[in-house]
């Protein structure tokens, strides 16, 4: 574990957390529903942030774990670290944050999180932290414009027409009455190649997951492997690690 044992994890204000996430998360964006932020400190300085909050659409996710109420789950919706922290720091920080949630919010029974296998990675840290893999599907959420700008489909189809109008003006899209992805597809926006992976962590081990729990080998089976933004299988990573031993 090395110096990772020296990391201090504690709750920090949203303003500090969001500034760090914008700077160090691959998307450069925060999640508005994040309302619980943990800072990861080493040598007296902030080097990582874990942001938790409600899912985008809790109605579609609450049934994943049997018999849990609307206030009994939480989503880890942003995780950002700089390059200062030593090996194994991310999984240690997740572990400590879960212990703090269990102690201070005992009503929380499980945690949801997603890994973006179209831009970032397939969830190496989640697997190392004891999360279950419950879904691997082709990306249907992230669009890329011809100039490289990327945006989630729910932004394009939301009722926030101010955002839509700004993007429409920038790219010359002709909006119709209803919010839709189509006008943006007409000006070249395309779904990114890759996959989205869903992970579940049971704080309350008596809870039952209602969807299939997938073996991690499913990632390679579907060609969904990604690490640090590059398409690479789990097997290739393991072989590389073995060669370095």
Protein backbone atom coordinates (compact mmCIF):
# COMPACT_ATOMS: atom_id res chain seq x y z
CA UNK A 1 0.00 0.00 0.00
CA UNK A 2 2.97 2.33 0.63
CA UNK A 3 2.17 6.01 1.03
CA UNK A 4 -1.46 5.46 0.07
CA UNK A 5 -2.02 4.68 3.76
CA UNK A 6 -1.13 8.29 4.57
CA UNK A 7 -4.02 9.75 2.53
CA UNK A 8 -6.66 11.59 4.55
CA UNK A 9 -10.22 11.54 3.21
CA UNK A 10 -12.75 14.03 4.55
CA UNK A 11 -15.84 15.98 3.50
CA UNK A 12 -15.11 19.23 1.67
CA UNK A 13 -17.27 22.12 0.39
CA UNK A 14 -18.90 21.81 -3.03
CA UNK A 15 -17.09 24.88 -4.35
CA UNK A 16 -13.65 23.40 -3.68
CA UNK A 17 -14.67 19.97 -4.98
CA UNK A 18 -16.22 21.35 -8.17
CA UNK A 19 -13.17 23.48 -8.97
CA UNK A 20 -10.95 20.40 -8.66
CA UNK A 21 -13.29 18.23 -10.76
CA UNK A 22 -13.44 20.80 -13.55
CA UNK A 23 -9.66 20.86 -13.64
CA UNK A 24 -8.86 17.15 -13.33
CA UNK A 25 -11.87 15.12 -14.54
CA UNK A 26 -11.61 14.08 -18.20
CA UNK A 27 -14.99 15.67 -18.96
CA UNK A 28 -14.14 18.98 -17.34
CA UNK A 29 -17.70 19.06 -15.99
CA UNK A 30 -19.44 18.57 -12.65
CA UNK A 31 -22.73 16.80 -11.98
CA UNK A 32 -25.35 19.27 -10.65
CA UNK A 33 -26.91 16.61 -8.41
CA UNK A 34 -23.66 15.96 -6.54
CA UNK A 35 -24.18 17.01 -2.94
CA UNK A 36 -21.64 15.00 -0.92
CA UNK A 37 -17.99 15.65 -1.70
CA UNK A 38 -14.94 13.91 -0.25
CA UNK A 39 -11.47 15.39 -0.61
CA UNK A 40 -8.38 13.19 -0.68
CA UNK A 41 -5.36 14.84 0.93
CA UNK A 42 -1.68 13.90 1.00
CA UNK A 43 1.12 16.05 2.39
CA UNK A 44 -1.44 18.65 3.36
CA UNK A 45 -2.79 19.26 -0.14
CA UNK A 46 -5.89 18.20 -2.07
CA UNK A 47 -5.11 15.61 -4.74
CA UNK A 48 -8.44 13.87 -5.34
CA UNK A 49 -12.20 14.30 -5.12
CA UNK A 50 -15.09 11.82 -4.89
CA UNK A 51 -18.53 13.36 -5.48
CA UNK A 52 -21.73 11.53 -4.57
CA UNK A 53 -25.36 12.45 -5.20
CA UNK A 54 -28.72 11.30 -6.53
CA UNK A 55 -28.85 9.50 -9.89
CA UNK A 56 -29.98 11.41 -12.95
CA UNK A 57 -33.20 9.37 -13.01
CA UNK A 58 -33.73 7.49 -9.76
CA UNK A 59 -36.96 5.94 -11.05
CA UNK A 60 -34.96 3.89 -13.54
CA UNK A 61 -32.34 2.77 -11.03
CA UNK A 62 -34.08 2.23 -7.68
CA UNK A 63 -35.25 -1.24 -8.66
CA UNK A 64 -31.74 -2.54 -9.34
CA UNK A 65 -31.49 -3.52 -5.67
CA UNK A 66 -34.56 -5.18 -4.17
CA UNK A 67 -36.55 -3.48 -1.47
CA UNK A 68 -34.59 -0.26 -1.08
CA UNK A 69 -36.22 3.13 -0.70
CA UNK A 70 -35.57 6.31 -2.64
CA UNK A 71 -33.26 7.68 0.05
CA UNK A 72 -31.37 4.43 0.58
CA UNK A 73 -28.95 4.59 -2.34
CA UNK A 74 -26.48 7.06 -3.75
CA UNK A 75 -24.44 7.45 -6.92
CA UNK A 76 -20.71 8.03 -7.12
CA UNK A 77 -21.01 10.39 -10.05
CA UNK A 78 -17.61 12.05 -10.22
CA UNK A 79 -14.15 10.78 -9.33
CA UNK A 80 -11.08 12.88 -10.14
CA UNK A 81 -7.43 12.57 -9.09
CA UNK A 82 -4.23 14.33 -10.08
CA UNK A 83 -0.94 12.55 -10.75
CA UNK A 84 0.56 13.15 -7.31
CA UNK A 85 -1.05 10.28 -5.46
CA UNK A 86 0.79 6.91 -5.31
CA UNK A 87 -0.39 3.56 -6.64
CA UNK A 88 -3.58 2.10 -5.14
CA UNK A 89 -4.70 5.53 -3.91
CA UNK A 90 -7.99 5.58 -5.81
CA UNK A 91 -9.31 2.29 -4.42
CA UNK A 92 -8.19 3.26 -0.92
CA UNK A 93 -10.01 6.60 -1.17
CA UNK A 94 -13.20 4.89 -2.35
CA UNK A 95 -12.95 2.44 0.54
CA UNK A 96 -12.56 5.21 3.12
CA UNK A 97 -15.42 7.24 1.62
CA UNK A 98 -17.71 4.20 1.81
CA UNK A 99 -16.78 3.66 5.46
CA UNK A 100 -17.60 7.31 6.20
CA UNK A 101 -20.97 7.00 4.44
CA UNK A 102 -21.73 3.80 6.36
CA UNK A 103 -20.89 5.48 9.68
CA UNK A 104 -22.58 8.84 9.13
CA UNK A 105 -25.43 7.88 6.81
CA UNK A 106 -26.37 4.33 7.88
CA UNK A 107 -29.61 4.46 5.88
CA UNK A 108 -27.61 4.26 2.61
CA UNK A 109 -27.61 0.62 1.51
CA UNK A 110 -25.90 0.68 -1.87
CA UNK A 111 -23.90 2.73 -4.33
CA UNK A 112 -24.34 3.09 -8.08
CA UNK A 113 -21.63 4.21 -10.48
CA UNK A 114 -20.91 4.19 -14.18
CA UNK A 115 -17.66 3.83 -16.08
CA UNK A 116 -17.30 5.59 -19.41
CA UNK A 117 -15.69 3.12 -21.79
CA UNK A 118 -16.04 5.55 -24.68
CA UNK A 119 -13.84 8.31 -23.26
CA UNK A 120 -12.05 7.20 -20.09
CA UNK A 121 -11.96 3.61 -18.82
CA UNK A 122 -13.84 0.39 -18.14
CA UNK A 123 -13.85 0.61 -14.34
CA UNK A 124 -10.53 -0.78 -13.13
CA UNK A 125 -10.87 1.12 -9.84
CA UNK A 126 -14.41 -0.12 -9.24
CA UNK A 127 -13.37 -3.73 -9.74
CA UNK A 128 -10.48 -3.26 -7.34
CA UNK A 129 -12.89 -1.74 -4.81
CA UNK A 130 -15.34 -4.63 -4.68
CA UNK A 131 -18.07 -3.31 -7.00
CA UNK A 132 -20.22 -5.71 -9.02
CA UNK A 133 -20.44 -5.29 -12.79
CA UNK A 134 -24.12 -5.31 -13.79
CA UNK A 135 -24.28 -3.91 -17.31
CA UNK A 136 -22.09 -3.43 -20.38
CA UNK A 137 -23.78 -1.66 -23.27
CA UNK A 138 -22.76 0.31 -26.31
CA UNK A 139 -22.56 4.04 -25.75
CA UNK A 140 -25.91 5.70 -26.34
CA UNK A 141 -25.26 8.83 -24.30
CA UNK A 142 -22.17 10.70 -25.47
CA UNK A 143 -22.17 12.63 -28.76
CA UNK A 144 -19.19 14.21 -30.47
CA UNK A 145 -19.38 17.17 -32.85
CA UNK A 146 -17.04 17.49 -35.87
CA UNK A 147 -14.78 19.89 -33.94
CA UNK A 148 -14.30 17.35 -31.15
CA UNK A 149 -16.70 18.89 -28.62
CA UNK A 150 -18.48 16.18 -26.63
CA UNK A 151 -21.78 16.36 -24.78
CA UNK A 152 -24.24 13.97 -23.13
CA UNK A 153 -27.46 13.30 -25.02
CA UNK A 154 -29.55 14.34 -22.01
CA UNK A 155 -28.17 17.85 -22.45
CA UNK A 156 -29.31 17.91 -26.06
CA UNK A 157 -32.75 16.52 -25.20
CA UNK A 158 -33.33 18.35 -21.92
CA UNK A 159 -35.87 21.09 -21.39
CA UNK A 160 -33.04 23.56 -20.89
CA UNK A 161 -33.55 25.23 -24.23
CA UNK A 162 -30.98 27.92 -23.41
CA UNK A 163 -28.28 25.26 -23.62
CA UNK A 164 -29.78 23.81 -26.78
CA UNK A 165 -30.01 27.24 -28.40
CA UNK A 166 -26.37 28.00 -27.62
CA UNK A 167 -25.25 24.72 -29.16
CA UNK A 168 -27.61 25.18 -32.11
CA UNK A 169 -26.21 28.63 -32.79
CA UNK A 170 -22.64 27.40 -32.51
CA UNK A 171 -23.12 24.50 -34.93
CA UNK A 172 -25.89 25.82 -37.15
CA UNK A 173 -28.51 23.30 -36.05
CA UNK A 174 -32.15 24.08 -36.78
CA UNK A 175 -34.20 23.39 -33.66
CA UNK A 176 -37.80 22.21 -33.81
CA UNK A 177 -40.43 22.65 -31.11
CA UNK A 178 -39.42 19.59 -29.06
CA UNK A 179 -35.96 19.05 -27.66
CA UNK A 180 -34.29 16.37 -29.80
CA UNK A 181 -30.89 15.02 -30.78
CA UNK A 182 -31.85 14.97 -34.47
CA UNK A 183 -31.05 18.64 -35.30
CA UNK A 184 -27.56 18.12 -33.89
CA UNK A 185 -27.09 14.84 -35.73
CA UNK A 186 -28.02 16.71 -38.90
CA UNK A 187 -24.98 18.98 -38.41
CA UNK A 188 -22.58 16.13 -37.76
CA UNK A 189 -22.93 15.09 -34.11
CA UNK A 190 -22.29 11.36 -33.78
CA UNK A 191 -22.33 8.83 -30.97
CA UNK A 192 -18.85 8.03 -29.73
CA UNK A 193 -17.64 4.49 -30.28
CA UNK A 194 -17.34 2.55 -27.06
CA UNK A 195 -19.31 1.26 -24.12
CA UNK A 196 -20.90 2.34 -20.84
CA UNK A 197 -20.48 0.03 -17.85
CA UNK A 198 -22.65 0.00 -14.72
CA UNK A 199 -21.27 -0.99 -11.31
CA UNK A 200 -23.00 -1.62 -7.96
CA UNK A 201 -21.52 -1.70 -4.46
CA UNK A 202 -23.58 -3.18 -1.63
CA UNK A 203 -22.94 -1.45 1.68
CA UNK A 204 -25.68 -3.60 3.19
CA UNK A 205 -24.56 -7.09 2.22
CA UNK A 206 -28.03 -8.52 2.87
CA UNK A 207 -29.46 -6.58 -0.07
CA UNK A 208 -30.21 -8.46 -3.27
CA UNK A 209 -29.29 -7.18 -6.73
CA UNK A 210 -32.20 -7.81 -9.10
CA UNK A 211 -30.24 -7.75 -12.37
CA UNK A 212 -27.61 -10.23 -13.55
CA UNK A 213 -24.12 -9.85 -12.07
CA UNK A 214 -21.68 -10.14 -14.95
CA UNK A 215 -18.23 -11.72 -14.84
CA UNK A 216 -15.48 -9.21 -15.55
CA UNK A 217 -14.49 -11.39 -18.52
CA UNK A 218 -17.62 -10.02 -20.23
CA UNK A 219 -15.69 -6.79 -20.84
CA UNK A 220 -13.18 -8.50 -23.13
CA UNK A 221 -15.88 -10.71 -24.62
CA UNK A 222 -17.68 -7.61 -25.89
CA UNK A 223 -14.54 -5.68 -26.79
CA UNK A 224 -15.37 -3.05 -24.20
CA UNK A 225 -11.93 -2.71 -22.61
CA UNK A 226 -10.60 0.83 -22.20
CA UNK A 227 -7.84 2.26 -20.01
CA UNK A 228 -6.93 5.94 -19.76
CA UNK A 229 -8.92 6.72 -22.89
CA UNK A 230 -7.37 3.99 -25.06
CA UNK A 231 -9.05 0.81 -26.23
CA UNK A 232 -7.15 -2.02 -24.56
CA UNK A 233 -8.43 -5.34 -23.22
CA UNK A 234 -8.13 -6.62 -19.66
CA UNK A 235 -6.03 -9.51 -20.98
CA UNK A 236 -3.56 -7.15 -22.64
CA UNK A 237 -3.17 -5.20 -19.41
CA UNK A 238 -2.62 -8.39 -17.42
CA UNK A 239 0.02 -9.60 -19.85
CA UNK A 240 1.82 -6.26 -19.60
CA UNK A 241 1.76 -6.42 -15.81
CA UNK A 242 3.10 -9.98 -15.87
CA UNK A 243 5.96 -8.92 -18.14
CA UNK A 244 6.93 -6.18 -15.69
CA UNK A 245 7.19 -8.59 -12.74
